[in-house]
Amino acid sequence: MIEYKVTGWQDYWKIFDELIEHLTSDNKSEIIAEFKEAQKYVNGLTDGWYEFKFALEKAINSNTQNMTAEQNQIADFLLSTLTKSLTNK
């Protein structure tokens, strides 16, 4: 797996988009829809970020079996990065 480094939210969303691209190439449109729906919670407010985290976590947990190892690693990285960021606020 590629070593990801996040120095800001721009990097985070770039990795999120990369995960979406991986899922798109595997025709996993239902998973993409769940991740995109979770992303809609981000509104610039702290509570929106928490809602995004909960929705993303739910989407990851319900689709772990349907994603490749690499897709799961990227998703887990995104979730853990988000969790760390929210914990440090």
PDB file of N, CA and C in Angstrom:
ATOM      1  N   MET A   1       0.828  -1.185   0.000  1.00  0.00           N
ATOM      2  CA  MET A   1       0.000   0.000   0.000  1.00  0.00           C
ATOM      3  C   MET A   1       0.868   1.243   0.000  1.00  0.00           C
ATOM      4  N   ILE A   2       0.383   2.248  -0.628  1.00  0.00           N
ATOM      5  CA  ILE A   2       1.070   3.530  -0.660  1.00  0.00           C
ATOM      6  C   ILE A   2       1.029   4.139   0.734  1.00  0.00           C
ATOM      7  N   GLU A   3       2.119   4.777   1.125  1.00  0.00           N
ATOM      8  CA  GLU A   3       2.133   5.496   2.397  1.00  0.00           C
ATOM      9  C   GLU A   3       1.499   6.862   2.169  1.00  0.00           C
ATOM     10  N   TYR A   4       0.414   7.113   2.836  1.00  0.00           N
ATOM     11  CA  TYR A   4      -0.281   8.385   2.695  1.00  0.00           C
ATOM     12  C   TYR A   4       0.150   9.341   3.790  1.00  0.00           C
ATOM     13  N   LYS A   5       0.173  10.624   3.435  1.00  0.00           N
ATOM     14  CA  LYS A   5       0.497  11.662   4.399  1.00  0.00           C
ATOM     15  C   LYS A   5      -0.515  12.777   4.212  1.00  0.00           C
ATOM     16  N   VAL A   6      -1.117  13.180   5.299  1.00  0.00           N
ATOM     17  CA  VAL A   6      -2.115  14.240   5.245  1.00  0.00           C
ATOM     18  C   VAL A   6      -1.576  15.444   6.004  1.00  0.00           C
ATOM     19  N   THR A   7      -1.388  16.539   5.285  1.00  0.00           N
ATOM     20  CA  THR A   7      -0.942  17.771   5.929  1.00  0.00           C
ATOM     21  C   THR A   7      -2.064  18.800   5.995  1.00  0.00           C
ATOM     22  N   GLY A   8      -3.190  18.464   5.406  1.00  0.00           N
ATOM     23  CA  GLY A   8      -4.354  19.347   5.436  1.00  0.00           C
ATOM     24  C   GLY A   8      -5.539  18.639   4.816  1.00  0.00           C
ATOM     25  N   TRP A   9      -6.677  19.290   4.877  1.00  0.00           N
ATOM     26  CA  TRP A   9      -7.894  18.662   4.364  1.00  0.00           C
ATOM     27  C   TRP A   9      -7.850  18.445   2.862  1.00  0.00           C
ATOM     28  N   GLN A  10      -7.087  19.250   2.155  1.00  0.00           N
ATOM     29  CA  GLN A  10      -6.960  19.049   0.710  1.00  0.00           C
ATOM     30  C   GLN A  10      -6.361  17.669   0.422  1.00  0.00           C
ATOM     31  N   ASP A  11      -5.351  17.293   1.193  1.00  0.00           N
ATOM     32  CA  ASP A  11      -4.747  15.960   1.043  1.00  0.00           C
ATOM     33  C   ASP A  11      -5.752  14.869   1.390  1.00  0.00           C
ATOM     34  N   TYR A  12      -6.523  15.100   2.440  1.00  0.00           N
ATOM     35  CA  TYR A  12      -7.526  14.121   2.869  1.00  0.00           C
ATOM     36  C   TYR A  12      -8.520  13.847   1.745  1.00  0.00           C
ATOM     37  N   TRP A  13      -9.055  14.916   1.146  1.00  0.00           N
ATOM     38  CA  TRP A  13     -10.061  14.744   0.088  1.00  0.00           C
ATOM     39  C   TRP A  13      -9.456  14.152  -1.179  1.00  0.00           C
ATOM     40  N   LYS A  14      -8.176  14.403  -1.400  1.00  0.00           N
ATOM     41  CA  LYS A  14      -7.498  13.789  -2.550  1.00  0.00           C
ATOM     42  C   LYS A  14      -7.453  12.265  -2.368  1.00  0.00           C
ATOM     43  N   ILE A  15      -7.156  11.815  -1.170  1.00  0.00           N
ATOM     44  CA  ILE A  15      -7.124  10.378  -0.880  1.00  0.00           C
ATOM     45  C   ILE A  15      -8.537   9.796  -0.941  1.00  0.00           C
ATOM     46  N   PHE A  16      -9.512  10.537  -0.431  1.00  0.00           N
ATOM     47  CA  PHE A  16     -10.916  10.111  -0.516  1.00  0.00           C
ATOM     48  C   PHE A  16     -11.303   9.909  -1.977  1.00  0.00           C
ATOM     49  N   ASP A  17     -10.945  10.877  -2.823  1.00  0.00           N
ATOM     50  CA  ASP A  17     -11.251  10.768  -4.256  1.00  0.00           C
ATOM     51  C   ASP A  17     -10.534   9.588  -4.899  1.00  0.00           C
ATOM     52  N   GLU A  18      -9.319   9.306  -4.436  1.00  0.00           N
ATOM     53  CA  GLU A  18      -8.572   8.150  -4.950  1.00  0.00           C
ATOM     54  C   GLU A  18      -9.305   6.850  -4.608  1.00  0.00           C
ATOM     55  N   LEU A  19      -9.836   6.772  -3.400  1.00  0.00           N
ATOM     56  CA  LEU A  19     -10.617   5.593  -3.012  1.00  0.00           C
ATOM     57  C   LEU A  19     -11.843   5.462  -3.904  1.00  0.00           C
ATOM     58  N   ILE A  20     -12.521   6.561  -4.167  1.00  0.00           N
ATOM     59  CA  ILE A  20     -13.693   6.544  -5.044  1.00  0.00           C
ATOM     60  C   ILE A  20     -13.297   6.051  -6.437  1.00  0.00           C
ATOM     61  N   GLU A  21     -12.137   6.483  -6.937  1.00  0.00           N
ATOM     62  CA  GLU A  21     -11.650   6.027  -8.249  1.00  0.00           C
ATOM     63  C   GLU A  21     -11.419   4.519  -8.249  1.00  0.00           C
ATOM     64  N   HIS A  22     -10.813   4.001  -7.178  1.00  0.00           N
ATOM     65  CA  HIS A  22     -10.594   2.549  -7.069  1.00  0.00           C
ATOM     66  C   HIS A  22     -11.927   1.804  -7.098  1.00  0.00           C
ATOM     67  N   LEU A  23     -12.889   2.310  -6.358  1.00  0.00           N
ATOM     68  CA  LEU A  23     -14.203   1.673  -6.311  1.00  0.00           C
ATOM     69  C   LEU A  23     -14.915   1.775  -7.655  1.00  0.00           C
ATOM     70  N   THR A  24     -14.738   2.897  -8.334  1.00  0.00           N
ATOM     71  CA  THR A  24     -15.344   3.087  -9.656  1.00  0.00           C
ATOM     72  C   THR A  24     -14.792   2.080 -10.651  1.00  0.00           C
ATOM     73  N   SER A  25     -13.478   1.870 -10.614  1.00  0.00           N
ATOM     74  CA  SER A  25     -12.866   0.926 -11.552  1.00  0.00           C
ATOM     75  C   SER A  25     -13.321  -0.510 -11.294  1.00  0.00           C
ATOM     76  N   ASP A  26     -13.805  -0.777 -10.076  1.00  0.00           N
ATOM     77  CA  ASP A  26     -14.334  -2.105  -9.736  1.00  0.00           C
ATOM     78  C   ASP A  26     -15.860  -2.161  -9.817  1.00  0.00           C
ATOM     79  N   ASN A  27     -16.467  -1.113 -10.360  1.00  0.00           N
ATOM     80  CA  ASN A  27     -17.931  -1.042 -10.522  1.00  0.00           C
ATOM     81  C   ASN A  27     -18.690  -1.237  -9.208  1.00  0.00           C
ATOM     82  N   LYS A  28     -18.209  -0.620  -8.159  1.00  0.00           N
ATOM     83  CA  LYS A  28     -18.850  -0.744  -6.846  1.00  0.00           C
ATOM     84  C   LYS A  28     -19.672   0.513  -6.547  1.00  0.00           C
ATOM     85  N   SER A  29     -20.683   0.728  -7.373  1.00  0.00           N
ATOM     86  CA  SER A  29     -21.468   1.961  -7.310  1.00  0.00           C
ATOM     87  C   SER A  29     -22.257   2.113  -6.011  1.00  0.00           C
ATOM     88  N   GLU A  30     -22.705   1.028  -5.420  1.00  0.00           N
ATOM     89  CA  GLU A  30     -23.458   1.134  -4.164  1.00  0.00           C
ATOM     90  C   GLU A  30     -22.568   1.630  -3.028  1.00  0.00           C
ATOM     91  N   ILE A  31     -21.337   1.151  -2.993  1.00  0.00           N
ATOM     92  CA  ILE A  31     -20.401   1.599  -1.962  1.00  0.00           C
ATOM     93  C   ILE A  31     -20.055   3.065  -2.194  1.00  0.00           C
ATOM     94  N   ILE A  32     -19.824   3.428  -3.441  1.00  0.00           N
ATOM     95  CA  ILE A  32     -19.529   4.823  -3.777  1.00  0.00           C
ATOM     96  C   ILE A  32     -20.666   5.718  -3.301  1.00  0.00           C
ATOM     97  N   ALA A  33     -21.884   5.309  -3.552  1.00  0.00           N
ATOM     98  CA  ALA A  33     -23.048   6.104  -3.147  1.00  0.00           C
ATOM     99  C   ALA A  33     -23.070   6.305  -1.630  1.00  0.00           C
ATOM    100  N   GLU A  34     -22.743   5.267  -0.882  1.00  0.00           N
ATOM    101  CA  GLU A  34     -22.720   5.386   0.582  1.00  0.00           C
ATOM    102  C   GLU A  34     -21.634   6.351   1.042  1.00  0.00           C
ATOM    103  N   PHE A  35     -20.451   6.263   0.438  1.00  0.00           N
ATOM    104  CA  PHE A  35     -19.355   7.160   0.816  1.00  0.00           C
ATOM    105  C   PHE A  35     -19.680   8.604   0.439  1.00  0.00           C
ATOM    106  N   LYS A  36     -20.252   8.797  -0.734  1.00  0.00           N
ATOM    107  CA  LYS A  36     -20.626  10.149  -1.179  1.00  0.00           C
ATOM    108  C   LYS A  36     -21.744  10.722  -0.305  1.00  0.00           C
ATOM    109  N   GLU A  37     -22.663   9.878   0.102  1.00  0.00           N
ATOM    110  CA  GLU A  37     -23.744  10.321   0.998  1.00  0.00           C
ATOM    111  C   GLU A  37     -23.154  10.754   2.342  1.00  0.00           C
ATOM    112  N   ALA A  38     -22.197  10.004   2.850  1.00  0.00           N
ATOM    113  CA  ALA A  38     -21.525  10.365   4.103  1.00  0.00           C
ATOM    114  C   ALA A  38     -20.820  11.712   3.961  1.00  0.00           C
ATOM    115  N   GLN A  39     -20.205  11.934   2.818  1.00  0.00           N
ATOM    116  CA  GLN A  39     -19.460  13.172   2.568  1.00  0.00           C
ATOM    117  C   GLN A  39     -20.369  14.401   2.630  1.00  0.00           C
ATOM    118  N   LYS A  40     -21.625  14.234   2.334  1.00  0.00           N
ATOM    119  CA  LYS A  40     -22.568  15.360   2.337  1.00  0.00           C
ATOM    120  C   LYS A  40     -22.744  15.978   3.722  1.00  0.00           C
ATOM    121  N   TYR A  41     -22.385  15.255   4.766  1.00  0.00           N
ATOM    122  CA  TYR A  41     -22.511  15.789   6.124  1.00  0.00           C
ATOM    123  C   TYR A  41     -21.494  16.888   6.415  1.00  0.00           C
ATOM    124  N   VAL A  42     -20.394  16.907   5.677  1.00  0.00           N
ATOM    125  CA  VAL A  42     -19.348  17.893   5.922  1.00  0.00           C
ATOM    126  C   VAL A  42     -19.874  19.262   5.495  1.00  0.00           C
ATOM    127  N   ASN A  43     -20.015  20.134   6.488  1.00  0.00           N
ATOM    128  CA  ASN A  43     -20.575  21.453   6.226  1.00  0.00           C
ATOM    129  C   ASN A  43     -19.737  22.572   6.828  1.00  0.00           C
ATOM    130  N   GLY A  44     -18.550  22.232   7.293  1.00  0.00           N
ATOM    131  CA  GLY A  44     -17.682  23.231   7.896  1.00  0.00           C
ATOM    132  C   GLY A  44     -17.848  23.350   9.403  1.00  0.00           C
ATOM    133  N   LEU A  45     -18.888  22.751   9.936  1.00  0.00           N
ATOM    134  CA  LEU A  45     -19.117  22.775  11.376  1.00  0.00           C
ATOM    135  C   LEU A  45     -18.623  21.472  11.998  1.00  0.00           C
ATOM    136  N   THR A  46     -18.223  21.547  13.249  1.00  0.00           N
ATOM    137  CA  THR A  46     -17.697  20.361  13.929  1.00  0.00           C
ATOM    138  C   THR A  46     -18.707  19.222  13.942  1.00  0.00           C
ATOM    139  N   ASP A  47     -19.984  19.539  14.193  1.00  0.00           N
ATOM    140  CA  ASP A  47     -20.972  18.456  14.235  1.00  0.00           C
ATOM    141  C   ASP A  47     -21.117  17.767  12.886  1.00  0.00           C
ATOM    142  N   GLY A  48     -20.923  18.503  11.794  1.00  0.00           N
ATOM    143  CA  GLY A  48     -20.961  17.905  10.463  1.00  0.00           C
ATOM    144  C   GLY A  48     -19.830  16.910  10.256  1.00  0.00           C
ATOM    145  N   TRP A  49     -18.651  17.238  10.788  1.00  0.00           N
ATOM    146  CA  TRP A  49     -17.514  16.327  10.686  1.00  0.00           C
ATOM    147  C   TRP A  49     -17.778  15.046  11.474  1.00  0.00           C
ATOM    148  N   TYR A  50     -18.396  15.183  12.642  1.00  0.00           N
ATOM    149  CA  TYR A  50     -18.734  13.992  13.427  1.00  0.00           C
ATOM    150  C   TYR A  50     -19.781  13.144  12.714  1.00  0.00           C
ATOM    151  N   GLU A  51     -20.779  13.789  12.128  1.00  0.00           N
ATOM    152  CA  GLU A  51     -21.795  13.044  11.371  1.00  0.00           C
ATOM    153  C   GLU A  51     -21.148  12.322  10.191  1.00  0.00           C
ATOM    154  N   PHE A  52     -20.203  12.984   9.530  1.00  0.00           N
ATOM    155  CA  PHE A  52     -19.459  12.358   8.435  1.00  0.00           C
ATOM    156  C   PHE A  52     -18.704  11.141   8.949  1.00  0.00           C
ATOM    157  N   LYS A  53     -18.025  11.288  10.078  1.00  0.00           N
ATOM    158  CA  LYS A  53     -17.261  10.182  10.657  1.00  0.00           C
ATOM    159  C   LYS A  53     -18.163   8.984  10.936  1.00  0.00           C
ATOM    160  N   PHE A  54     -19.305   9.236  11.574  1.00  0.00           N
ATOM    161  CA  PHE A  54     -20.213   8.133  11.904  1.00  0.00           C
ATOM    162  C   PHE A  54     -20.756   7.461  10.644  1.00  0.00           C
ATOM    163  N   ALA A  55     -21.116   8.260   9.646  1.00  0.00           N
ATOM    164  CA  ALA A  55     -21.654   7.705   8.396  1.00  0.00           C
ATOM    165  C   ALA A  55     -20.575   6.952   7.622  1.00  0.00           C
ATOM    166  N   LEU A  56     -19.352   7.498   7.605  1.00  0.00           N
ATOM    167  CA  LEU A  56     -18.245   6.833   6.916  1.00  0.00           C
ATOM    168  C   LEU A  56     -17.921   5.510   7.600  1.00  0.00           C
ATOM    169  N   GLU A  57     -17.877   5.536   8.914  1.00  0.00           N
ATOM    170  CA  GLU A  57     -17.588   4.314   9.670  1.00  0.00           C
ATOM    171  C   GLU A  57     -18.640   3.241   9.393  1.00  0.00           C
ATOM    172  N   LYS A  58     -19.890   3.634   9.370  1.00  0.00           N
ATOM    173  CA  LYS A  58     -20.972   2.694   9.081  1.00  0.00           C
ATOM    174  C   LYS A  58     -20.829   2.123   7.668  1.00  0.00           C
ATOM    175  N   ALA A  59     -20.516   2.992   6.696  1.00  0.00           N
ATOM    176  CA  ALA A  59     -20.356   2.546   5.309  1.00  0.00           C
ATOM    177  C   ALA A  59     -19.182   1.579   5.173  1.00  0.00           C
ATOM    178  N   ILE A  60     -18.091   1.880   5.854  1.00  0.00           N
ATOM    179  CA  ILE A  60     -16.918   0.996   5.802  1.00  0.00           C
ATOM    180  C   ILE A  60     -17.257  -0.357   6.424  1.00  0.00           C
ATOM    181  N   ASN A  61     -17.840  -0.321   7.614  1.00  0.00           N
ATOM    182  CA  ASN A  61     -18.155  -1.571   8.320  1.00  0.00           C
ATOM    183  C   ASN A  61     -19.130  -2.450   7.549  1.00  0.00           C
ATOM    184  N   SER A  62     -20.088  -1.839   6.881  1.00  0.00           N
ATOM    185  CA  SER A  62     -21.082  -2.643   6.160  1.00  0.00           C
ATOM    186  C   SER A  62     -20.574  -3.137   4.810  1.00  0.00           C
ATOM    187  N   ASN A  63     -19.428  -2.614   4.360  1.00  0.00           N
ATOM    188  CA  ASN A  63     -18.920  -2.996   3.039  1.00  0.00           C
ATOM    189  C   ASN A  63     -17.536  -3.623   3.060  1.00  0.00           C
ATOM    190  N   THR A  64     -17.002  -3.894   4.232  1.00  0.00           N
ATOM    191  CA  THR A  64     -15.654  -4.459   4.339  1.00  0.00           C
ATOM    192  C   THR A  64     -15.482  -5.695   3.463  1.00  0.00           C
ATOM    193  N   GLN A  65     -16.471  -6.569   3.466  1.00  0.00           N
ATOM    194  CA  GLN A  65     -16.380  -7.814   2.701  1.00  0.00           C
ATOM    195  C   GLN A  65     -16.430  -7.582   1.192  1.00  0.00           C
ATOM    196  N   ASN A  66     -16.949  -6.437   0.778  1.00  0.00           N
ATOM    197  CA  ASN A  66     -17.118  -6.158  -0.651  1.00  0.00           C
ATOM    198  C   ASN A  66     -16.019  -5.290  -1.243  1.00  0.00           C
ATOM    199  N   MET A  67     -15.039  -4.926  -0.414  1.00  0.00           N
ATOM    200  CA  MET A  67     -13.929  -4.109  -0.899  1.00  0.00           C
ATOM    201  C   MET A  67     -12.647  -4.931  -0.898  1.00  0.00           C
ATOM    202  N   THR A  68     -11.716  -4.545  -1.757  1.00  0.00           N
ATOM    203  CA  THR A  68     -10.422  -5.220  -1.800  1.00  0.00           C
ATOM    204  C   THR A  68      -9.614  -4.833  -0.569  1.00  0.00           C
ATOM    205  N   ALA A  69      -8.529  -5.551  -0.338  1.00  0.00           N
ATOM    206  CA  ALA A  69      -7.653  -5.246   0.795  1.00  0.00           C
ATOM    207  C   ALA A  69      -7.134  -3.816   0.692  1.00  0.00           C
ATOM    208  N   GLU A  70      -6.745  -3.399  -0.511  1.00  0.00           N
ATOM    209  CA  GLU A  70      -6.233  -2.037  -0.695  1.00  0.00           C
ATOM    210  C   GLU A  70      -7.316  -0.997  -0.425  1.00  0.00           C
ATOM    211  N   GLN A  71      -8.517  -1.253  -0.906  1.00  0.00           N
ATOM    212  CA  GLN A  71      -9.622  -0.320  -0.676  1.00  0.00           C
ATOM    213  C   GLN A  71      -9.932  -0.222   0.815  1.00  0.00           C
ATOM    214  N   ASN A  72      -9.896  -1.344   1.507  1.00  0.00           N
ATOM    215  CA  ASN A  72     -10.117  -1.340   2.955  1.00  0.00           C
ATOM    216  C   ASN A  72      -9.015  -0.578   3.687  1.00  0.00           C
ATOM    217  N   GLN A  73      -7.780  -0.727   3.236  1.00  0.00           N
ATOM    218  CA  GLN A  73      -6.670  -0.016   3.870  1.00  0.00           C
ATOM    219  C   GLN A  73      -6.830   1.493   3.703  1.00  0.00           C
ATOM    220  N   ILE A  74      -7.201   1.924   2.512  1.00  0.00           N
ATOM    221  CA  ILE A  74      -7.402   3.356   2.267  1.00  0.00           C
ATOM    222  C   ILE A  74      -8.561   3.868   3.116  1.00  0.00           C
ATOM    223  N   ALA A  75      -9.657   3.138   3.127  1.00  0.00           N
ATOM    224  CA  ALA A  75     -10.829   3.544   3.912  1.00  0.00           C
ATOM    225  C   ALA A  75     -10.484   3.620   5.400  1.00  0.00           C
ATOM    226  N   ASP A  76      -9.759   2.642   5.905  1.00  0.00           N
ATOM    227  CA  ASP A  76      -9.362   2.644   7.313  1.00  0.00           C
ATOM    228  C   ASP A  76      -8.435   3.816   7.618  1.00  0.00           C
ATOM    229  N   PHE A  77      -7.530   4.129   6.681  1.00  0.00           N
ATOM    230  CA  PHE A  77      -6.645   5.279   6.857  1.00  0.00           C
ATOM    231  C   PHE A  77      -7.463   6.566   6.946  1.00  0.00           C
ATOM    232  N   LEU A  78      -8.432   6.713   6.048  1.00  0.00           N
ATOM    233  CA  LEU A  78      -9.278   7.909   6.059  1.00  0.00           C
ATOM    234  C   LEU A  78     -10.034   8.028   7.378  1.00  0.00           C
ATOM    235  N   LEU A  79     -10.591   6.926   7.839  1.00  0.00           N
ATOM    236  CA  LEU A  79     -11.358   6.952   9.084  1.00  0.00           C
ATOM    237  C   LEU A  79     -10.461   7.258  10.278  1.00  0.00           C
ATOM    238  N   SER A  80      -9.305   6.628  10.357  1.00  0.00           N
ATOM    239  CA  SER A  80      -8.417   6.867  11.501  1.00  0.00           C
ATOM    240  C   SER A  80      -7.865   8.291  11.487  1.00  0.00           C
ATOM    241  N   THR A  81      -7.571   8.823  10.305  1.00  0.00           N
ATOM    242  CA  THR A  81      -7.097  10.205  10.195  1.00  0.00           C
ATOM    243  C   THR A  81      -8.172  11.173  10.666  1.00  0.00           C
ATOM    244  N   LEU A  82      -9.390  10.937  10.251  1.00  0.00           N
ATOM    245  CA  LEU A  82     -10.510  11.781  10.659  1.00  0.00           C
ATOM    246  C   LEU A  82     -10.732  11.691  12.167  1.00  0.00           C
ATOM    247  N   THR A  83     -10.688  10.489  12.705  1.00  0.00           N
ATOM    248  CA  THR A  83     -10.886  10.294  14.141  1.00  0.00           C
ATOM    249  C   THR A  83      -9.818  11.033  14.937  1.00  0.00           C
ATOM    250  N   LYS A  84      -8.561  10.930  14.514  1.00  0.00           N
ATOM    251  CA  LYS A  84      -7.466  11.633  15.198  1.00  0.00           C
ATOM    252  C   LYS A  84      -7.683  13.136  15.150  1.00  0.00           C
ATOM    253  N   SER A  85      -8.086  13.638  14.005  1.00  0.00           N
ATOM    254  CA  SER A  85      -8.307  15.075  13.855  1.00  0.00           C
ATOM    255  C   SER A  85      -9.420  15.560  14.781  1.00  0.00           C
ATOM    256  N   LEU A  86     -10.499  14.809  14.864  1.00  0.00           N
ATOM    257  CA  LEU A  86     -11.618  15.209  15.719  1.00  0.00           C
ATOM    258  C   LEU A  86     -11.261  15.093  17.200  1.00  0.00           C
ATOM    259  N   THR A  87     -10.417  14.132  17.539  1.00  0.00           N
ATOM    260  CA  THR A  87      -9.990  13.949  18.921  1.00  0.00           C
ATOM    261  C   THR A  87      -9.089  15.098  19.366  1.00  0.00           C
ATOM    262  N   ASN A  88      -8.315  15.643  18.436  1.00  0.00           N
ATOM    263  CA  ASN A  88      -7.366  16.713  18.755  1.00  0.00           C
ATOM    264  C   ASN A  88      -7.996  18.098  18.778  1.00  0.00           C
ATOM    265  N   LYS A  89      -9.275  18.213  18.492  1.00  0.00           N
ATOM    266  CA  LYS A  89      -9.926  19.542  18.457  1.00  0.00           C
ATOM    267  C   LYS A  89     -10.135  20.080  19.848  1.00  0.00           C
TER     268      LYS A  89
END
